[in-house]
Amino acid sequence: MGVNVKPAARRNARHFAIQAIYSWQITKGNVAEIEQQFLSDDKFEEEEHQADAPILAAPHTDLNYFHDLLNGVVQNHQELDSKMRPYLSRPLQDLDQMELALLRLAMYEMTKREDVPYKVVINEAIELAKIFGAEDSHKFVNGVLDKAAPTLRKK
């Protein structure tokens, strides 16, 4: 990925990846088909599109990062679950599906994408939780990631 990574394009990649991960968790569908559905879906143009809403197209969204996040989480979900389990205040199966998707995404970035500073991972996860999660999901996600970061990352 390198030095020319635009934070807004990465943020948009996370925005769409979290939705695709959620879709995969609910349907257990083929991840390639889910990804293709997101990439070919023009619902964003058809709906009343807010000017500040993300667009799933280059250069607005880092499509390679979207692909990496979605496929990385799906391929590594069992490992990610076991890494997050010690930091959870309740059993994994009791998590809301969106909270689980948010934590899997953040754990993937924290453990597999060391090019992304852990503070960025936590802040982005909190922002996504505010958009997609239940009322206090962002607090829960923040608590889990704050506890996990010192063990999973050395700074």
C-alpha atoms as a PDB file:
ATOM      1  CA  MET A   1       0.000   0.000   0.000  1.00  0.00           C
ATOM      2  CA  GLY A   2       2.696   2.562   0.752  1.00  0.00           C
ATOM      3  CA  VAL A   3       2.970   6.242   1.420  1.00  0.00           C
ATOM      4  CA  ASN A   4       0.232   7.636  -0.825  1.00  0.00           C
ATOM      5  CA  VAL A   5      -2.606   6.174   1.234  1.00  0.00           C
ATOM      6  CA  LYS A   6      -5.378   8.686   1.705  1.00  0.00           C
ATOM      7  CA  PRO A   7      -7.013   8.390   5.134  1.00  0.00           C
ATOM      8  CA  ALA A   8     -10.456   9.199   3.701  1.00  0.00           C
ATOM      9  CA  ALA A   9     -10.158   6.409   1.118  1.00  0.00           C
ATOM     10  CA  ARG A  10      -9.197   3.944   3.868  1.00  0.00           C
ATOM     11  CA  ARG A  11     -12.062   5.187   6.050  1.00  0.00           C
ATOM     12  CA  ASN A  12     -14.477   4.555   3.183  1.00  0.00           C
ATOM     13  CA  ALA A  13     -12.999   1.083   2.653  1.00  0.00           C
ATOM     14  CA  ARG A  14     -13.707   0.294   6.319  1.00  0.00           C
ATOM     15  CA  HIS A  15     -17.225   1.756   5.984  1.00  0.00           C
ATOM     16  CA  PHE A  16     -18.093  -0.691   3.210  1.00  0.00           C
ATOM     17  CA  ALA A  17     -16.047  -3.595   4.580  1.00  0.00           C
ATOM     18  CA  ILE A  18     -17.955  -3.566   7.868  1.00  0.00           C
ATOM     19  CA  GLN A  19     -21.228  -3.865   5.954  1.00  0.00           C
ATOM     20  CA  ALA A  20     -19.872  -6.682   3.800  1.00  0.00           C
ATOM     21  CA  ILE A  21     -18.501  -8.519   6.856  1.00  0.00           C
ATOM     22  CA  TYR A  22     -21.868  -8.156   8.576  1.00  0.00           C
ATOM     23  CA  SER A  23     -23.573  -9.511   5.452  1.00  0.00           C
ATOM     24  CA  TRP A  24     -21.204 -12.501   5.394  1.00  0.00           C
ATOM     25  CA  GLN A  25     -21.811 -13.220   9.110  1.00  0.00           C
ATOM     26  CA  ILE A  26     -25.578 -13.191   8.643  1.00  0.00           C
ATOM     27  CA  THR A  27     -25.752 -15.142   5.375  1.00  0.00           C
ATOM     28  CA  LYS A  28     -22.524 -17.205   5.545  1.00  0.00           C
ATOM     29  CA  GLY A  29     -22.562 -16.598   1.790  1.00  0.00           C
ATOM     30  CA  ASN A  30     -19.641 -16.837  -0.581  1.00  0.00           C
ATOM     31  CA  VAL A  31     -17.325 -13.940   0.246  1.00  0.00           C
ATOM     32  CA  ALA A  32     -16.398 -13.365  -3.416  1.00  0.00           C
ATOM     33  CA  GLU A  33     -20.082 -13.043  -4.301  1.00  0.00           C
ATOM     34  CA  ILE A  34     -20.682 -10.644  -1.407  1.00  0.00           C
ATOM     35  CA  GLU A  35     -17.708  -8.550  -2.483  1.00  0.00           C
ATOM     36  CA  GLN A  36     -18.895  -8.496  -6.087  1.00  0.00           C
ATOM     37  CA  GLN A  37     -22.385  -7.524  -4.966  1.00  0.00           C
ATOM     38  CA  PHE A  38     -20.962  -4.545  -3.089  1.00  0.00           C
ATOM     39  CA  LEU A  39     -18.696  -3.524  -5.945  1.00  0.00           C
ATOM     40  CA  SER A  40     -21.409  -3.769  -8.589  1.00  0.00           C
ATOM     41  CA  ASP A  41     -24.259  -2.428  -6.480  1.00  0.00           C
ATOM     42  CA  ASP A  42     -25.327   0.975  -7.737  1.00  0.00           C
ATOM     43  CA  LYS A  43     -27.873   1.522  -4.969  1.00  0.00           C
ATOM     44  CA  PHE A  44     -25.689   4.364  -3.741  1.00  0.00           C
ATOM     45  CA  GLU A  45     -26.463   6.347  -6.879  1.00  0.00           C
ATOM     46  CA  GLU A  46     -30.146   5.427  -6.889  1.00  0.00           C
ATOM     47  CA  GLU A  47     -30.935   6.340  -3.293  1.00  0.00           C
ATOM     48  CA  GLU A  48     -31.084   9.912  -2.152  1.00  0.00           C
ATOM     49  CA  HIS A  49     -27.346  10.213  -1.877  1.00  0.00           C
ATOM     50  CA  GLN A  50     -26.055  12.558   0.794  1.00  0.00           C
ATOM     51  CA  ALA A  51     -23.159  14.684  -0.383  1.00  0.00           C
ATOM     52  CA  ASP A  52     -20.899  13.464   2.435  1.00  0.00           C
ATOM     53  CA  ALA A  53     -21.830   9.763   2.165  1.00  0.00           C
ATOM     54  CA  PRO A  54     -19.011   7.434   1.061  1.00  0.00           C
ATOM     55  CA  ILE A  55     -18.866   6.160  -2.506  1.00  0.00           C
ATOM     56  CA  LEU A  56     -17.596   2.639  -3.206  1.00  0.00           C
ATOM     57  CA  ALA A  57     -15.412   3.567  -6.159  1.00  0.00           C
ATOM     58  CA  ALA A  58     -11.863   4.742  -6.685  1.00  0.00           C
ATOM     59  CA  PRO A  59     -10.511   7.309  -5.857  1.00  0.00           C
ATOM     60  CA  HIS A  60     -13.074   7.836  -3.065  1.00  0.00           C
ATOM     61  CA  THR A  61     -12.506   4.376  -1.608  1.00  0.00           C
ATOM     62  CA  ASP A  62      -9.333   2.297  -1.393  1.00  0.00           C
ATOM     63  CA  LEU A  63     -10.759  -0.747  -3.187  1.00  0.00           C
ATOM     64  CA  ASN A  64      -7.673  -2.881  -2.535  1.00  0.00           C
ATOM     65  CA  TYR A  65      -8.003  -2.185   1.174  1.00  0.00           C
ATOM     66  CA  PHE A  66     -11.737  -3.013   1.060  1.00  0.00           C
ATOM     67  CA  HIS A  67     -10.829  -6.359  -0.555  1.00  0.00           C
ATOM     68  CA  ASP A  68      -8.065  -7.032   1.984  1.00  0.00           C
ATOM     69  CA  LEU A  69     -10.262  -6.229   4.996  1.00  0.00           C
ATOM     70  CA  LEU A  70     -13.237  -8.286   3.847  1.00  0.00           C
ATOM     71  CA  ASN A  71     -11.252 -11.331   2.760  1.00  0.00           C
ATOM     72  CA  GLY A  72      -8.799 -11.094   5.645  1.00  0.00           C
ATOM     73  CA  VAL A  73     -11.545 -11.043   8.266  1.00  0.00           C
ATOM     74  CA  VAL A  74     -13.444 -13.906   6.658  1.00  0.00           C
ATOM     75  CA  GLN A  75     -10.336 -16.082   6.213  1.00  0.00           C
ATOM     76  CA  ASN A  76      -9.046 -15.372   9.731  1.00  0.00           C
ATOM     77  CA  HIS A  77     -12.299 -15.039  11.704  1.00  0.00           C
ATOM     78  CA  GLN A  78     -11.623 -17.992  14.025  1.00  0.00           C
ATOM     79  CA  GLU A  79      -8.157 -16.711  14.906  1.00  0.00           C
ATOM     80  CA  LEU A  80      -9.530 -13.170  15.376  1.00  0.00           C
ATOM     81  CA  ASP A  81     -12.287 -14.493  17.631  1.00  0.00           C
ATOM     82  CA  SER A  82      -9.795 -16.349  19.823  1.00  0.00           C
ATOM     83  CA  LYS A  83      -7.578 -13.251  20.065  1.00  0.00           C
ATOM     84  CA  MET A  84     -10.489 -11.046  21.181  1.00  0.00           C
ATOM     85  CA  ARG A  85     -12.091 -13.581  23.550  1.00  0.00           C
ATOM     86  CA  PRO A  86      -9.876 -12.747  26.602  1.00  0.00           C
ATOM     87  CA  TYR A  87     -10.910  -9.078  26.419  1.00  0.00           C
ATOM     88  CA  LEU A  88     -14.667  -9.600  26.174  1.00  0.00           C
ATOM     89  CA  SER A  89     -16.965  -9.026  29.137  1.00  0.00           C
ATOM     90  CA  ARG A  90     -19.485 -11.545  27.803  1.00  0.00           C
ATOM     91  CA  PRO A  91     -19.358 -14.721  25.697  1.00  0.00           C
ATOM     92  CA  LEU A  92     -18.637 -14.292  22.001  1.00  0.00           C
ATOM     93  CA  GLN A  93     -21.988 -15.840  21.033  1.00  0.00           C
ATOM     94  CA  ASP A  94     -23.801 -13.143  23.067  1.00  0.00           C
ATOM     95  CA  LEU A  95     -22.321 -10.303  20.994  1.00  0.00           C
ATOM     96  CA  ASP A  96     -24.539  -8.381  18.643  1.00  0.00           C
ATOM     97  CA  GLN A  97     -23.649  -9.285  15.038  1.00  0.00           C
ATOM     98  CA  MET A  98     -22.556  -5.718  14.282  1.00  0.00           C
ATOM     99  CA  GLU A  99     -20.371  -5.569  17.403  1.00  0.00           C
ATOM    100  CA  LEU A 100     -18.805  -8.855  16.339  1.00  0.00           C
ATOM    101  CA  ALA A 101     -18.164  -7.510  12.831  1.00  0.00           C
ATOM    102  CA  LEU A 102     -16.656  -4.297  14.244  1.00  0.00           C
ATOM    103  CA  LEU A 103     -14.370  -6.182  16.608  1.00  0.00           C
ATOM    104  CA  ARG A 104     -13.305  -8.667  13.939  1.00  0.00           C
ATOM    105  CA  LEU A 105     -12.422  -5.825  11.584  1.00  0.00           C
ATOM    106  CA  ALA A 106     -10.449  -3.977  14.265  1.00  0.00           C
ATOM    107  CA  MET A 107      -8.700  -7.142  15.450  1.00  0.00           C
ATOM    108  CA  TYR A 108      -7.738  -7.910  11.859  1.00  0.00           C
ATOM    109  CA  GLU A 109      -6.223  -4.459  11.401  1.00  0.00           C
ATOM    110  CA  MET A 110      -4.520  -4.615  14.780  1.00  0.00           C
ATOM    111  CA  THR A 111      -2.951  -8.041  14.229  1.00  0.00           C
ATOM    112  CA  LYS A 112      -2.455  -8.288  10.465  1.00  0.00           C
ATOM    113  CA  ARG A 113      -2.049  -4.684   9.308  1.00  0.00           C
ATOM    114  CA  GLU A 114       0.822  -3.306  11.307  1.00  0.00           C
ATOM    115  CA  ASP A 115       1.103  -0.446   8.804  1.00  0.00           C
ATOM    116  CA  VAL A 116      -2.000   1.005  10.477  1.00  0.00           C
ATOM    117  CA  PRO A 117      -1.265   2.620  13.876  1.00  0.00           C
ATOM    118  CA  TYR A 118      -3.269   1.002  16.663  1.00  0.00           C
ATOM    119  CA  LYS A 119      -4.747   4.364  17.691  1.00  0.00           C
ATOM    120  CA  VAL A 120      -6.138   4.730  14.167  1.00  0.00           C
ATOM    121  CA  VAL A 121      -7.606   1.213  14.385  1.00  0.00           C
ATOM    122  CA  ILE A 122      -9.344   2.035  17.673  1.00  0.00           C
ATOM    123  CA  ASN A 123     -10.603   5.455  16.555  1.00  0.00           C
ATOM    124  CA  GLU A 124     -11.940   4.115  13.261  1.00  0.00           C
ATOM    125  CA  ALA A 125     -13.695   1.231  15.033  1.00  0.00           C
ATOM    126  CA  ILE A 126     -15.324   3.671  17.463  1.00  0.00           C
ATOM    127  CA  GLU A 127     -16.541   5.868  14.611  1.00  0.00           C
ATOM    128  CA  LEU A 128     -17.964   2.867  12.748  1.00  0.00           C
ATOM    129  CA  ALA A 129     -19.679   1.701  15.936  1.00  0.00           C
ATOM    130  CA  LYS A 130     -21.325   5.115  16.269  1.00  0.00           C
ATOM    131  CA  ILE A 131     -22.650   4.801  12.702  1.00  0.00           C
ATOM    132  CA  PHE A 132     -23.634   1.134  12.573  1.00  0.00           C
ATOM    133  CA  GLY A 133     -23.788  -0.130  16.154  1.00  0.00           C
ATOM    134  CA  ALA A 134     -26.404   0.031  18.870  1.00  0.00           C
ATOM    135  CA  GLU A 135     -26.554   3.069  21.147  1.00  0.00           C
ATOM    136  CA  ASP A 136     -23.567   2.279  23.375  1.00  0.00           C
ATOM    137  CA  SER A 137     -21.676  -0.110  21.078  1.00  0.00           C
ATOM    138  CA  HIS A 138     -18.867   2.390  20.629  1.00  0.00           C
ATOM    139  CA  LYS A 139     -18.139   2.264  24.372  1.00  0.00           C
ATOM    140  CA  PHE A 140     -18.024  -1.518  24.374  1.00  0.00           C
ATOM    141  CA  VAL A 141     -15.811  -1.651  21.257  1.00  0.00           C
ATOM    142  CA  ASN A 142     -13.492   0.985  22.734  1.00  0.00           C
ATOM    143  CA  GLY A 143     -13.196  -0.947  26.004  1.00  0.00           C
ATOM    144  CA  VAL A 144     -12.328  -4.222  24.286  1.00  0.00           C
ATOM    145  CA  LEU A 145      -9.775  -2.656  21.947  1.00  0.00           C
ATOM    146  CA  ASP A 146      -8.170  -0.543  24.692  1.00  0.00           C
ATOM    147  CA  LYS A 147      -7.575  -3.736  26.703  1.00  0.00           C
ATOM    148  CA  ALA A 148      -6.330  -5.685  23.679  1.00  0.00           C
ATOM    149  CA  ALA A 149      -4.002  -3.086  22.148  1.00  0.00           C
ATOM    150  CA  PRO A 150      -1.107  -3.294  24.659  1.00  0.00           C
ATOM    151  CA  THR A 151      -0.896  -7.076  24.250  1.00  0.00           C
ATOM    152  CA  LEU A 152      -1.432  -7.221  20.490  1.00  0.00           C
ATOM    153  CA  ARG A 153       0.725  -4.235  19.590  1.00  0.00           C
ATOM    154  CA  LYS A 154       3.976  -2.912  20.956  1.00  0.00           C
ATOM    155  CA  LYS A 155       2.914   0.786  20.684  1.00  0.00           C
END
